[in-house]
């Protein structure tokens, strides 16, 4: 739903911003974009209610294709352990910008295919990738 209208269509410029935010979720602008999408009440924090709202969509998709679903409570525990928010039970934009695993956080709630890729990946691969980037002194985007 764009601009409050269910019939609204995305402009070319809006689509480009969406695509950039989707493909490089570590970029500060992308983090801001996805945070605004999830902050349904506009209070500057992602509440457990808002996280559950988006995770329910993912659960429906997983059930539709016959994938075993992780209960929300378990997913929430993983996400909070990963993000380590300053305020318990509330995730702020600053919390997400500080975390190096923010793309996994957003994929968990928005992109089932990428979420499943993360879930099936070698658990040490992310650390190896991060170590390689530090050794090369370059931060590679997902592109």
Foldseek 3Di string as FASTA:
>chain_A
DPPPDPPDDQDPVNVVLVVVLLQFVLDLSSLVVLVVVQPVVPPQWRALVSQVVLLVVLVVVCVVVVHDDDDSVVVVVVLCVQQVAPDPRIHGSVSLNVGPCNSLVSCSRPPNVVVVVVVPDDPCVVVVVVVVCVVVVHDDTSD
